[in-house]
Amino acid sequence: MRSMRSLLRVLLIVVLGAGIFAGAAGAADLGIITGSEKGTYFQFGLNLQQLLKSKSIGLNVYTSKGSIENVYAVYQRPGVQLGIVQADVLAFISRVDTNPVLQRIAKKTRLVFPLYNEEVHLLGRSDITDFDDLADRRVAIGREGSGTYLTTRLLFKLSEVVPKEVLLIDTDEALAELKAGHIDAMFYVAGFPVKLLTEGVNPADGLNLIPIMNKSILEFYPRTQIPAQTYPWQPKPIDTVAVKSALVSYDYKRGDCDAVGRAAEVVASNLDWLTKNGHPKWKAVDLAAPLKGWEQYECVRKYLKQPGQPAAKASRPSANPVMDAIKDALGE
């Protein structure tokens, strides 16, 4: 009997101790899902973490494959109240009215703030002079789950340009394959300057940013430019297209609703600090910019003291129904 009581005492200590440590590990008020460690989303997450920490708000920053994974994580994953997502991904899930999964996700997704335009970086060998030259080439288009994947699929669908082969690999691997001569080009949708391209490319690699001026693409995506010397190896400005990024949340009715609202208030009140101390793309952020089809989350408006408006309705790749629905809608 004594040995049994001793065993129970030990188990109780272990359980209580585990509870204490679990509580400490989960002490952050919020979680944000971003992108790869060398991408702009992740840098934005770290900037927000630093700012919120100074205001006694904890923020866990999570890496991910990108926008498609992010929008599903905000909808489904505990502890992830915020995510950075491309606007074309938001538009896609809100307009596909034949898929019940996307309808449920769109209904629960809420806009916190629009952020900045993300440029489509098309990096390739020097013999490729424009987007249309990608026909019959081997091209890396990002991993399933990334916004780069969806945007690139849409660019090819709009333009009717058909590569010889598309590779579903992440940007780090794609750059290595490109430098080794195993593929002809790679896409990366991210706000410049992108850390991977700043640190991972040099003039001796013989790679160039390739213009995207296809007329069919320009009917749907806004034209923009990556200025000369954005990257040390890039002597001339490059014409390309852009997609807006946005900070989104979930339609919380209480609890996390206020936590998201407080965090949004801190961001709105300290945008100057972020502009001065954060990633260069913070200079391009307009928190009041409209995002077609989306109204700001009511929990955010409450803390920003803005007049009320009706709210907008808007893991592994194989376990993400958003990815499955997108492939189905694209006819893949």
C-alpha atoms as a PDB file:
ATOM      1  CA  MET A   1       0.000   0.000   0.000  1.00  0.00           C
ATOM      2  CA  ARG A   2       2.804   2.372   0.901  1.00  0.00           C
ATOM      3  CA  SER A   3       4.527   1.694  -2.411  1.00  0.00           C
ATOM      4  CA  MET A   4       1.245   2.390  -4.226  1.00  0.00           C
ATOM      5  CA  ARG A   5       0.850   5.737  -2.393  1.00  0.00           C
ATOM      6  CA  SER A   6       4.439   6.594  -3.247  1.00  0.00           C
ATOM      7  CA  LEU A   7       3.830   5.787  -6.882  1.00  0.00           C
ATOM      8  CA  LEU A   8       0.687   7.913  -6.939  1.00  0.00           C
ATOM      9  CA  ARG A   9       2.595  10.764  -5.279  1.00  0.00           C
ATOM     10  CA  VAL A  10       5.303  10.562  -7.944  1.00  0.00           C
ATOM     11  CA  LEU A  11       2.708  10.481 -10.732  1.00  0.00           C
ATOM     12  CA  LEU A  12       0.909  13.479  -9.211  1.00  0.00           C
ATOM     13  CA  ILE A  13       4.154  15.457  -9.075  1.00  0.00           C
ATOM     14  CA  VAL A  14       4.894  14.549 -12.674  1.00  0.00           C
ATOM     15  CA  VAL A  15       1.398  15.514 -13.850  1.00  0.00           C
ATOM     16  CA  LEU A  16       1.362  18.780 -11.929  1.00  0.00           C
ATOM     17  CA  GLY A  17       4.857  19.584 -13.072  1.00  0.00           C
ATOM     18  CA  ALA A  18       3.908  18.906 -16.673  1.00  0.00           C
ATOM     19  CA  GLY A  19       0.946  21.210 -16.259  1.00  0.00           C
ATOM     20  CA  ILE A  20       3.127  23.992 -14.912  1.00  0.00           C
ATOM     21  CA  PHE A  21       5.621  23.714 -17.730  1.00  0.00           C
ATOM     22  CA  ALA A  22       2.869  23.414 -20.346  1.00  0.00           C
ATOM     23  CA  GLY A  23       1.333  26.624 -19.044  1.00  0.00           C
ATOM     24  CA  ALA A  24       4.652  28.440 -19.283  1.00  0.00           C
ATOM     25  CA  ALA A  25       5.218  27.223 -22.834  1.00  0.00           C
ATOM     26  CA  GLY A  26       1.792  28.446 -23.908  1.00  0.00           C
ATOM     27  CA  ALA A  27       2.002  31.825 -22.208  1.00  0.00           C
ATOM     28  CA  ALA A  28       1.713  33.858 -25.436  1.00  0.00           C
ATOM     29  CA  ASP A  29      -1.604  35.652 -25.957  1.00  0.00           C
ATOM     30  CA  LEU A  30      -1.667  35.094 -29.700  1.00  0.00           C
ATOM     31  CA  GLY A  31      -0.094  33.110 -32.520  1.00  0.00           C
ATOM     32  CA  ILE A  32       0.608  34.211 -36.080  1.00  0.00           C
ATOM     33  CA  ILE A  33       1.387  31.910 -38.996  1.00  0.00           C
ATOM     34  CA  THR A  34       3.678  33.398 -41.630  1.00  0.00           C
ATOM     35  CA  GLY A  35       5.955  31.713 -44.194  1.00  0.00           C
ATOM     36  CA  SER A  36       9.497  30.460 -44.611  1.00  0.00           C
ATOM     37  CA  GLU A  37      12.255  31.839 -42.395  1.00  0.00           C
ATOM     38  CA  LYS A  38      13.829  33.646 -45.371  1.00  0.00           C
ATOM     39  CA  GLY A  39      10.571  35.174 -46.562  1.00  0.00           C
ATOM     40  CA  THR A  40       8.963  38.565 -45.926  1.00  0.00           C
ATOM     41  CA  TYR A  41       5.971  37.124 -44.043  1.00  0.00           C
ATOM     42  CA  PHE A  42       8.220  35.642 -41.379  1.00  0.00           C
ATOM     43  CA  GLN A  43      10.135  38.912 -40.986  1.00  0.00           C
ATOM     44  CA  PHE A  44       6.824  40.746 -40.558  1.00  0.00           C
ATOM     45  CA  GLY A  45       5.831  38.227 -37.889  1.00  0.00           C
ATOM     46  CA  LEU A  46       9.055  38.828 -35.981  1.00  0.00           C
ATOM     47  CA  ASN A  47       8.538  42.603 -36.225  1.00  0.00           C
ATOM     48  CA  LEU A  48       5.024  42.251 -34.818  1.00  0.00           C
ATOM     49  CA  GLN A  49       6.301  39.963 -32.072  1.00  0.00           C
ATOM     50  CA  GLN A  50       8.872  42.566 -31.012  1.00  0.00           C
ATOM     51  CA  LEU A  51       6.351  45.403 -31.041  1.00  0.00           C
ATOM     52  CA  LEU A  52       3.662  43.515 -29.134  1.00  0.00           C
ATOM     53  CA  LYS A  53       6.163  42.262 -26.571  1.00  0.00           C
ATOM     54  CA  SER A  54       6.973  45.889 -25.723  1.00  0.00           C
ATOM     55  CA  LYS A  55       3.254  46.329 -24.935  1.00  0.00           C
ATOM     56  CA  SER A  56       3.091  43.150 -22.803  1.00  0.00           C
ATOM     57  CA  ILE A  57       1.310  41.088 -25.459  1.00  0.00           C
ATOM     58  CA  GLY A  58       2.888  37.732 -26.269  1.00  0.00           C
ATOM     59  CA  LEU A  59       2.945  36.547 -29.879  1.00  0.00           C
ATOM     60  CA  ASN A  60       4.167  33.167 -31.101  1.00  0.00           C
ATOM     61  CA  VAL A  61       5.474  33.290 -34.680  1.00  0.00           C
ATOM     62  CA  TYR A  62       5.052  30.121 -36.739  1.00  0.00           C
ATOM     63  CA  THR A  63       6.661  29.267 -40.059  1.00  0.00           C
ATOM     64  CA  SER A  64       4.656  27.661 -42.846  1.00  0.00           C
ATOM     65  CA  LYS A  65       4.608  26.770 -46.516  1.00  0.00           C
ATOM     66  CA  GLY A  66       2.648  29.966 -47.243  1.00  0.00           C
ATOM     67  CA  SER A  67      -0.783  31.444 -47.853  1.00  0.00           C
ATOM     68  CA  ILE A  68      -2.830  28.326 -48.543  1.00  0.00           C
ATOM     69  CA  GLU A  69      -1.569  26.637 -45.400  1.00  0.00           C
ATOM     70  CA  ASN A  70      -2.046  29.886 -43.481  1.00  0.00           C
ATOM     71  CA  VAL A  71      -5.690  30.489 -44.323  1.00  0.00           C
ATOM     72  CA  TYR A  72      -6.553  26.949 -43.256  1.00  0.00           C
ATOM     73  CA  ALA A  73      -4.453  27.186 -40.077  1.00  0.00           C
ATOM     74  CA  VAL A  74      -6.305  30.339 -38.977  1.00  0.00           C
ATOM     75  CA  TYR A  75      -9.578  28.508 -39.565  1.00  0.00           C
ATOM     76  CA  GLN A  76      -8.640  25.207 -37.956  1.00  0.00           C
ATOM     77  CA  ARG A  77      -5.453  25.273 -35.849  1.00  0.00           C
ATOM     78  CA  PRO A  78      -5.663  26.064 -32.115  1.00  0.00           C
ATOM     79  CA  GLY A  79      -3.366  28.853 -30.959  1.00  0.00           C
ATOM     80  CA  VAL A  80      -3.176  30.471 -34.403  1.00  0.00           C
ATOM     81  CA  GLN A  81      -5.394  33.542 -34.321  1.00  0.00           C
ATOM     82  CA  LEU A  82      -3.608  35.475 -37.068  1.00  0.00           C
ATOM     83  CA  GLY A  83      -2.152  34.700 -40.475  1.00  0.00           C
ATOM     84  CA  ILE A  84      -0.643  36.544 -43.429  1.00  0.00           C
ATOM     85  CA  VAL A  85      -2.311  35.602 -46.702  1.00  0.00           C
ATOM     86  CA  GLN A  86      -2.183  36.703 -50.338  1.00  0.00           C
ATOM     87  CA  ALA A  87      -5.295  38.506 -51.566  1.00  0.00           C
ATOM     88  CA  ASP A  88      -5.674  36.228 -54.594  1.00  0.00           C
ATOM     89  CA  VAL A  89      -5.929  33.265 -52.206  1.00  0.00           C
ATOM     90  CA  LEU A  90      -8.650  35.130 -50.266  1.00  0.00           C
ATOM     91  CA  ALA A  91     -10.436  35.961 -53.521  1.00  0.00           C
ATOM     92  CA  PHE A  92     -10.232  32.349 -54.610  1.00  0.00           C
ATOM     93  CA  ILE A  93     -11.768  30.873 -51.473  1.00  0.00           C
ATOM     94  CA  SER A  94     -14.514  33.526 -51.338  1.00  0.00           C
ATOM     95  CA  ARG A  95     -15.608  33.136 -54.978  1.00  0.00           C
ATOM     96  CA  VAL A  96     -15.672  29.358 -55.355  1.00  0.00           C
ATOM     97  CA  ASP A  97     -19.285  28.789 -54.325  1.00  0.00           C
ATOM     98  CA  THR A  98     -19.449  25.155 -55.395  1.00  0.00           C
ATOM     99  CA  ASN A  99     -17.179  23.815 -52.649  1.00  0.00           C
ATOM    100  CA  PRO A 100     -18.630  23.569 -49.124  1.00  0.00           C
ATOM    101  CA  VAL A 101     -15.185  23.506 -47.466  1.00  0.00           C
ATOM    102  CA  LEU A 102     -14.158  26.804 -49.041  1.00  0.00           C
ATOM    103  CA  GLN A 103     -17.571  28.267 -48.238  1.00  0.00           C
ATOM    104  CA  ARG A 104     -17.146  27.451 -44.529  1.00  0.00           C
ATOM    105  CA  ILE A 105     -13.612  28.845 -44.429  1.00  0.00           C
ATOM    106  CA  ALA A 106     -14.602  32.034 -46.275  1.00  0.00           C
ATOM    107  CA  LYS A 107     -17.523  32.522 -43.887  1.00  0.00           C
ATOM    108  CA  LYS A 108     -15.209  32.380 -40.845  1.00  0.00           C
ATOM    109  CA  THR A 109     -12.199  34.302 -42.217  1.00  0.00           C
ATOM    110  CA  ARG A 110     -11.937  37.959 -41.198  1.00  0.00           C
ATOM    111  CA  LEU A 111      -9.740  40.794 -42.449  1.00  0.00           C
ATOM    112  CA  VAL A 112      -7.610  42.517 -39.809  1.00  0.00           C
ATOM    113  CA  PHE A 113      -5.511  44.787 -42.052  1.00  0.00           C
ATOM    114  CA  PRO A 114      -4.412  44.945 -45.663  1.00  0.00           C
ATOM    115  CA  LEU A 115      -0.621  45.003 -45.756  1.00  0.00           C
ATOM    116  CA  TYR A 116       1.526  45.549 -48.846  1.00  0.00           C
ATOM    117  CA  ASN A 117       1.878  44.525 -52.477  1.00  0.00           C
ATOM    118  CA  GLU A 118       3.899  41.376 -53.016  1.00  0.00           C
ATOM    119  CA  GLU A 119       5.897  41.295 -56.204  1.00  0.00           C
ATOM    120  CA  VAL A 120       6.022  38.182 -58.360  1.00  0.00           C
ATOM    121  CA  HIS A 121       9.732  37.368 -58.603  1.00  0.00           C
ATOM    122  CA  LEU A 122      10.501  35.253 -61.654  1.00  0.00           C
ATOM    123  CA  LEU A 123      14.156  34.269 -61.513  1.00  0.00           C
ATOM    124  CA  GLY A 124      15.716  32.376 -64.386  1.00  0.00           C
ATOM    125  CA  ARG A 125      18.609  31.665 -66.686  1.00  0.00           C
ATOM    126  CA  SER A 126      19.954  34.526 -68.787  1.00  0.00           C
ATOM    127  CA  ASP A 127      18.558  33.093 -72.054  1.00  0.00           C
ATOM    128  CA  ILE A 128      14.979  33.569 -70.789  1.00  0.00           C
ATOM    129  CA  THR A 129      13.889  37.108 -71.632  1.00  0.00           C
ATOM    130  CA  ASP A 130      10.186  37.184 -70.689  1.00  0.00           C
ATOM    131  CA  PHE A 131       7.371  35.178 -69.128  1.00  0.00           C
ATOM    132  CA  ASP A 132       6.267  33.649 -72.437  1.00  0.00           C
ATOM    133  CA  ASP A 133       9.715  32.051 -72.797  1.00  0.00           C
ATOM    134  CA  LEU A 134       8.718  29.645 -70.027  1.00  0.00           C
ATOM    135  CA  ALA A 135       6.891  27.495 -72.573  1.00  0.00           C
ATOM    136  CA  ASP A 136       8.574  24.090 -72.766  1.00  0.00           C
ATOM    137  CA  ARG A 137      10.831  24.891 -69.773  1.00  0.00           C
ATOM    138  CA  ARG A 138      11.314  23.243 -66.369  1.00  0.00           C
ATOM    139  CA  VAL A 139       9.952  25.666 -63.766  1.00  0.00           C
ATOM    140  CA  ALA A 140       9.682  25.549 -59.955  1.00  0.00           C
ATOM    141  CA  ILE A 141       6.369  27.009 -58.797  1.00  0.00           C
ATOM    142  CA  GLY A 142       6.529  26.643 -55.003  1.00  0.00           C
ATOM    143  CA  ARG A 143       5.306  23.945 -52.658  1.00  0.00           C
ATOM    144  CA  GLU A 144       1.677  22.997 -52.316  1.00  0.00           C
ATOM    145  CA  GLY A 145       0.329  25.127 -49.516  1.00  0.00           C
ATOM    146  CA  SER A 146       2.141  28.271 -50.627  1.00  0.00           C
ATOM    147  CA  GLY A 147       0.657  31.396 -52.157  1.00  0.00           C
ATOM    148  CA  THR A 148       3.396  31.230 -54.784  1.00  0.00           C
ATOM    149  CA  TYR A 149       1.935  27.895 -55.914  1.00  0.00           C
ATOM    150  CA  LEU A 150      -1.575  29.294 -56.408  1.00  0.00           C
ATOM    151  CA  THR A 151      -0.470  32.548 -58.045  1.00  0.00           C
ATOM    152  CA  THR A 152       1.835  30.755 -60.469  1.00  0.00           C
ATOM    153  CA  ARG A 153      -0.889  28.264 -61.401  1.00  0.00           C
ATOM    154  CA  LEU A 154      -3.217  31.174 -62.120  1.00  0.00           C
ATOM    155  CA  LEU A 155      -0.566  33.009 -64.175  1.00  0.00           C
ATOM    156  CA  PHE A 156      -0.087  29.967 -66.393  1.00  0.00           C
ATOM    157  CA  LYS A 157      -3.847  29.450 -66.684  1.00  0.00           C
ATOM    158  CA  LEU A 158      -4.445  33.093 -67.669  1.00  0.00           C
ATOM    159  CA  SER A 159      -1.571  33.256 -70.136  1.00  0.00           C
ATOM    160  CA  GLU A 160      -2.028  29.754 -71.591  1.00  0.00           C
ATOM    161  CA  VAL A 161       1.747  29.352 -71.388  1.00  0.00           C
ATOM    162  CA  VAL A 162       2.528  25.676 -70.781  1.00  0.00           C
ATOM    163  CA  PRO A 163       5.892  24.728 -69.246  1.00  0.00           C
ATOM    164  CA  LYS A 164       7.500  21.416 -70.059  1.00  0.00           C
ATOM    165  CA  GLU A 165       7.498  20.509 -66.367  1.00  0.00           C
ATOM    166  CA  VAL A 166       6.497  22.191 -63.119  1.00  0.00           C
ATOM    167  CA  LEU A 167       8.236  21.277 -59.885  1.00  0.00           C
ATOM    168  CA  LEU A 168       6.437  21.603 -56.549  1.00  0.00           C
ATOM    169  CA  ILE A 169       9.432  22.456 -54.365  1.00  0.00           C
ATOM    170  CA  ASP A 170      10.076  25.201 -51.859  1.00  0.00           C
ATOM    171  CA  THR A 171      12.062  28.292 -52.733  1.00  0.00           C
ATOM    172  CA  ASP A 172      15.307  27.265 -51.029  1.00  0.00           C
ATOM    173  CA  GLU A 173      15.400  24.008 -52.961  1.00  0.00           C
ATOM    174  CA  ALA A 174      14.305  25.743 -56.168  1.00  0.00           C
ATOM    175  CA  LEU A 175      17.164  28.231 -55.978  1.00  0.00           C
ATOM    176  CA  ALA A 176      19.662  25.421 -55.437  1.00  0.00           C
ATOM    177  CA  GLU A 177      18.253  23.520 -58.427  1.00  0.00           C
ATOM    178  CA  LEU A 178      18.325  26.658 -60.567  1.00  0.00           C
ATOM    179  CA  LYS A 179      21.943  27.457 -59.679  1.00  0.00           C
ATOM    180  CA  ALA A 180      22.888  23.849 -60.442  1.00  0.00           C
ATOM    181  CA  GLY A 181      21.299  24.082 -63.902  1.00  0.00           C
ATOM    182  CA  HIS A 182      18.656  21.417 -63.204  1.00  0.00           C
ATOM    183  CA  ILE A 183      15.723  23.785 -63.833  1.00  0.00           C
ATOM    184  CA  ASP A 184      15.272  26.878 -65.997  1.00  0.00           C
ATOM    185  CA  ALA A 185      13.344  29.259 -63.723  1.00  0.00           C
ATOM    186  CA  MET A 186      11.614  29.649 -60.375  1.00  0.00           C
ATOM    187  CA  PHE A 187       8.818  31.777 -58.952  1.00  0.00           C
ATOM    188  CA  TYR A 188       8.712  33.481 -55.578  1.00  0.00           C
ATOM    189  CA  VAL A 189       5.808  35.740 -54.621  1.00  0.00           C
ATOM    190  CA  ALA A 190       7.050  38.007 -51.822  1.00  0.00           C
ATOM    191  CA  GLY A 191       7.561  41.648 -50.993  1.00  0.00           C
ATOM    192  CA  PHE A 192      10.983  42.874 -51.983  1.00  0.00           C
ATOM    193  CA  PRO A 193      13.697  42.725 -50.828  1.00  0.00           C
ATOM    194  CA  VAL A 194      13.521  38.956 -50.293  1.00  0.00           C
ATOM    195  CA  LYS A 195      16.209  37.660 -47.945  1.00  0.00           C
ATOM    196  CA  LEU A 196      16.713  34.456 -49.958  1.00  0.00           C
ATOM    197  CA  LEU A 197      17.474  36.363 -53.166  1.00  0.00           C
ATOM    198  CA  THR A 198      19.580  39.003 -51.424  1.00  0.00           C
ATOM    199  CA  GLU A 199      21.817  36.459 -49.711  1.00  0.00           C
ATOM    200  CA  GLY A 200      21.557  33.486 -52.042  1.00  0.00           C
ATOM    201  CA  VAL A 201      22.268  34.969 -55.492  1.00  0.00           C
ATOM    202  CA  ASN A 202      25.356  36.702 -56.857  1.00  0.00           C
ATOM    203  CA  PRO A 203      26.406  37.912 -60.334  1.00  0.00           C
ATOM    204  CA  ALA A 204      28.536  34.808 -60.968  1.00  0.00           C
ATOM    205  CA  ASP A 205      25.370  32.651 -60.908  1.00  0.00           C
ATOM    206  CA  GLY A 206      24.274  34.077 -64.269  1.00  0.00           C
ATOM    207  CA  LEU A 207      20.662  34.495 -63.167  1.00  0.00           C
ATOM    208  CA  ASN A 208      18.257  37.337 -63.900  1.00  0.00           C
ATOM    209  CA  LEU A 209      14.855  38.554 -62.827  1.00  0.00           C
ATOM    210  CA  ILE A 210      12.539  38.060 -65.807  1.00  0.00           C
ATOM    211  CA  PRO A 211       9.811  40.572 -66.768  1.00  0.00           C
ATOM    212  CA  ILE A 212       6.147  39.546 -66.664  1.00  0.00           C
ATOM    213  CA  MET A 213       4.330  41.573 -69.315  1.00  0.00           C
ATOM    214  CA  ASN A 214       1.878  39.038 -70.725  1.00  0.00           C
ATOM    215  CA  LYS A 215      -1.260  40.948 -71.746  1.00  0.00           C
ATOM    216  CA  SER A 216      -3.699  38.373 -70.371  1.00  0.00           C
ATOM    217  CA  ILE A 217      -1.962  38.402 -66.988  1.00  0.00           C
ATOM    218  CA  LEU A 218      -2.015  42.209 -66.820  1.00  0.00           C
ATOM    219  CA  GLU A 219      -5.796  42.175 -67.171  1.00  0.00           C
ATOM    220  CA  PHE A 220      -6.076  40.504 -63.757  1.00  0.00           C
ATOM    221  CA  TYR A 221      -2.922  41.400 -61.807  1.00  0.00           C
ATOM    222  CA  PRO A 222      -1.712  44.991 -61.284  1.00  0.00           C
ATOM    223  CA  ARG A 223       1.515  45.964 -62.982  1.00  0.00           C
ATOM    224  CA  THR A 224       4.424  47.001 -60.779  1.00  0.00           C
ATOM    225  CA  GLN A 225       8.202  47.255 -60.862  1.00  0.00           C
ATOM    226  CA  ILE A 226      11.114  45.902 -58.855  1.00  0.00           C
ATOM    227  CA  PRO A 227      13.509  48.894 -58.795  1.00  0.00           C
ATOM    228  CA  ALA A 228      17.091  48.612 -59.993  1.00  0.00           C
ATOM    229  CA  GLN A 229      19.548  47.506 -57.302  1.00  0.00           C
ATOM    230  CA  THR A 230      16.805  46.057 -55.129  1.00  0.00           C
ATOM    231  CA  TYR A 231      19.233  43.133 -55.171  1.00  0.00           C
ATOM    232  CA  PRO A 232      23.009  43.670 -55.495  1.00  0.00           C
ATOM    233  CA  TRP A 233      23.111  41.577 -58.673  1.00  0.00           C
ATOM    234  CA  GLN A 234      20.133  43.355 -60.337  1.00  0.00           C
ATOM    235  CA  PRO A 235      21.329  46.400 -62.370  1.00  0.00           C
ATOM    236  CA  LYS A 236      18.029  47.299 -64.105  1.00  0.00           C
ATOM    237  CA  PRO A 237      14.397  47.754 -62.996  1.00  0.00           C
ATOM    238  CA  ILE A 238      12.144  44.812 -63.773  1.00  0.00           C
ATOM    239  CA  ASP A 239       8.483  45.050 -64.782  1.00  0.00           C
ATOM    240  CA  THR A 240       6.305  42.465 -63.096  1.00  0.00           C
ATOM    241  CA  VAL A 241       2.922  42.049 -61.416  1.00  0.00           C
ATOM    242  CA  ALA A 242       1.863  42.156 -57.787  1.00  0.00           C
ATOM    243  CA  VAL A 243      -0.688  40.743 -55.393  1.00  0.00           C
ATOM    244  CA  LYS A 244      -1.764  42.356 -52.134  1.00  0.00           C
ATOM    245  CA  SER A 245      -1.028  40.619 -48.837  1.00  0.00           C
ATOM    246  CA  ALA A 246      -3.320  40.819 -45.831  1.00  0.00           C
ATOM    247  CA  LEU A 247      -3.418  40.010 -42.127  1.00  0.00           C
ATOM    248  CA  VAL A 248      -6.451  37.840 -41.376  1.00  0.00           C
ATOM    249  CA  SER A 249      -8.101  36.257 -38.374  1.00  0.00           C
ATOM    250  CA  TYR A 250     -11.035  34.024 -37.433  1.00  0.00           C
ATOM    251  CA  ASP A 251     -14.583  35.056 -36.555  1.00  0.00           C
ATOM    252  CA  TYR A 252     -14.245  34.801 -32.784  1.00  0.00           C
ATOM    253  CA  LYS A 253     -17.304  35.743 -30.742  1.00  0.00           C
ATOM    254  CA  ARG A 254     -15.471  36.371 -27.454  1.00  0.00           C
ATOM    255  CA  GLY A 255     -12.070  35.843 -25.776  1.00  0.00           C
ATOM    256  CA  ASP A 256      -9.658  35.850 -28.707  1.00  0.00           C
ATOM    257  CA  CYS A 257     -11.796  38.516 -30.360  1.00  0.00           C
ATOM    258  CA  ASP A 258     -10.563  41.038 -27.780  1.00  0.00           C
ATOM    259  CA  ALA A 259      -6.986  39.769 -27.952  1.00  0.00           C
ATOM    260  CA  VAL A 260      -6.929  40.305 -31.736  1.00  0.00           C
ATOM    261  CA  GLY A 261      -8.532  43.727 -31.306  1.00  0.00           C
ATOM    262  CA  ARG A 262      -5.946  44.833 -28.732  1.00  0.00           C
ATOM    263  CA  ALA A 263      -3.093  43.653 -30.942  1.00  0.00           C
ATOM    264  CA  ALA A 264      -4.556  45.496 -33.927  1.00  0.00           C
ATOM    265  CA  GLU A 265      -4.825  48.679 -31.880  1.00  0.00           C
ATOM    266  CA  VAL A 266      -1.131  48.423 -30.959  1.00  0.00           C
ATOM    267  CA  VAL A 267      -0.158  47.924 -34.604  1.00  0.00           C
ATOM    268  CA  ALA A 268      -2.272  50.845 -35.812  1.00  0.00           C
ATOM    269  CA  SER A 269      -0.877  53.116 -33.109  1.00  0.00           C
ATOM    270  CA  ASN A 270       2.738  52.141 -33.749  1.00  0.00           C
ATOM    271  CA  LEU A 271       2.985  51.893 -37.525  1.00  0.00           C
ATOM    272  CA  ASP A 272       5.703  54.567 -37.448  1.00  0.00           C
ATOM    273  CA  TRP A 273       7.792  52.323 -35.187  1.00  0.00           C
ATOM    274  CA  LEU A 274       7.343  49.379 -37.538  1.00  0.00           C
ATOM    275  CA  THR A 275       8.270  51.560 -40.513  1.00  0.00           C
ATOM    276  CA  LYS A 276      11.434  52.688 -38.772  1.00  0.00           C
ATOM    277  CA  ASN A 277      12.522  49.402 -37.195  1.00  0.00           C
ATOM    278  CA  GLY A 278      10.952  46.633 -39.264  1.00  0.00           C
ATOM    279  CA  HIS A 279      11.280  45.116 -42.737  1.00  0.00           C
ATOM    280  CA  PRO A 280      11.511  47.755 -45.524  1.00  0.00           C
ATOM    281  CA  LYS A 281       8.060  46.690 -46.798  1.00  0.00           C
ATOM    282  CA  TRP A 282       6.430  48.277 -43.728  1.00  0.00           C
ATOM    283  CA  LYS A 283       6.973  51.589 -45.547  1.00  0.00           C
ATOM    284  CA  ALA A 284       4.468  50.418 -48.165  1.00  0.00           C
ATOM    285  CA  VAL A 285       1.776  49.360 -45.692  1.00  0.00           C
ATOM    286  CA  ASP A 286      -1.505  51.284 -45.742  1.00  0.00           C
ATOM    287  CA  LEU A 287      -3.738  49.898 -43.010  1.00  0.00           C
ATOM    288  CA  ALA A 288      -6.745  51.793 -44.380  1.00  0.00           C
ATOM    289  CA  ALA A 289      -6.416  50.608 -47.976  1.00  0.00           C
ATOM    290  CA  PRO A 290      -9.517  48.847 -49.314  1.00  0.00           C
ATOM    291  CA  LEU A 291      -9.378  45.157 -50.125  1.00  0.00           C
ATOM    292  CA  LYS A 292     -12.052  44.356 -52.664  1.00  0.00           C
ATOM    293  CA  GLY A 293     -14.759  42.090 -51.284  1.00  0.00           C
ATOM    294  CA  TRP A 294     -13.606  42.302 -47.656  1.00  0.00           C
ATOM    295  CA  GLU A 295     -14.608  44.503 -44.732  1.00  0.00           C
ATOM    296  CA  GLN A 296     -12.545  44.880 -41.586  1.00  0.00           C
ATOM    297  CA  TYR A 297     -13.152  42.472 -38.695  1.00  0.00           C
ATOM    298  CA  GLU A 298     -15.643  43.940 -36.219  1.00  0.00           C
ATOM    299  CA  CYS A 299     -13.384  43.012 -33.274  1.00  0.00           C
ATOM    300  CA  VAL A 300     -10.698  45.223 -34.817  1.00  0.00           C
ATOM    301  CA  ARG A 301     -13.049  48.098 -35.611  1.00  0.00           C
ATOM    302  CA  LYS A 302     -14.200  48.126 -32.004  1.00  0.00           C
ATOM    303  CA  TYR A 303     -10.683  48.752 -30.732  1.00  0.00           C
ATOM    304  CA  LEU A 304      -9.863  51.229 -33.484  1.00  0.00           C
ATOM    305  CA  LYS A 305     -13.132  53.048 -32.709  1.00  0.00           C
ATOM    306  CA  GLN A 306     -14.303  52.874 -36.303  1.00  0.00           C
ATOM    307  CA  PRO A 307     -17.989  52.874 -37.295  1.00  0.00           C
ATOM    308  CA  GLY A 308     -19.562  49.472 -37.596  1.00  0.00           C
ATOM    309  CA  GLN A 309     -19.975  47.698 -40.914  1.00  0.00           C
ATOM    310  CA  PRO A 310     -21.305  44.251 -41.716  1.00  0.00           C
ATOM    311  CA  ALA A 311     -18.623  41.594 -41.475  1.00  0.00           C
ATOM    312  CA  ALA A 312     -17.517  40.128 -44.771  1.00  0.00           C
ATOM    313  CA  LYS A 313     -18.187  36.561 -45.639  1.00  0.00           C
ATOM    314  CA  ALA A 314     -15.800  35.801 -47.378  1.00  0.00           C
ATOM    315  CA  SER A 315      -0.252  20.327 -41.472  1.00  0.00           C
ATOM    316  CA  ARG A 316       0.361  18.466 -44.407  1.00  0.00           C
ATOM    317  CA  PRO A 317      -0.749  19.390 -47.907  1.00  0.00           C
ATOM    318  CA  SER A 318      -2.755  16.167 -48.170  1.00  0.00           C
ATOM    319  CA  ALA A 319      -4.590  17.079 -44.941  1.00  0.00           C
ATOM    320  CA  ASN A 320      -5.514  20.585 -46.102  1.00  0.00           C
ATOM    321  CA  PRO A 321      -8.974  20.728 -47.725  1.00  0.00           C
ATOM    322  CA  VAL A 322      -8.204  24.212 -49.080  1.00  0.00           C
ATOM    323  CA  MET A 323      -5.431  22.708 -51.178  1.00  0.00           C
ATOM    324  CA  ASP A 324      -7.727  19.920 -52.368  1.00  0.00           C
ATOM    325  CA  ALA A 325     -10.451  22.387 -53.319  1.00  0.00           C
ATOM    326  CA  ILE A 326      -8.030  24.639 -55.183  1.00  0.00           C
ATOM    327  CA  LYS A 327      -6.685  21.705 -57.196  1.00  0.00           C
ATOM    328  CA  ASP A 328     -10.236  20.651 -57.999  1.00  0.00           C
ATOM    329  CA  ALA A 329     -11.208  24.172 -59.093  1.00  0.00           C
ATOM    330  CA  LEU A 330      -8.096  24.443 -61.264  1.00  0.00           C
ATOM    331  CA  GLY A 331      -8.933  21.124 -62.884  1.00  0.00           C
ATOM    332  CA  GLU A 332      -5.857  19.306 -61.591  1.00  0.00           C
END
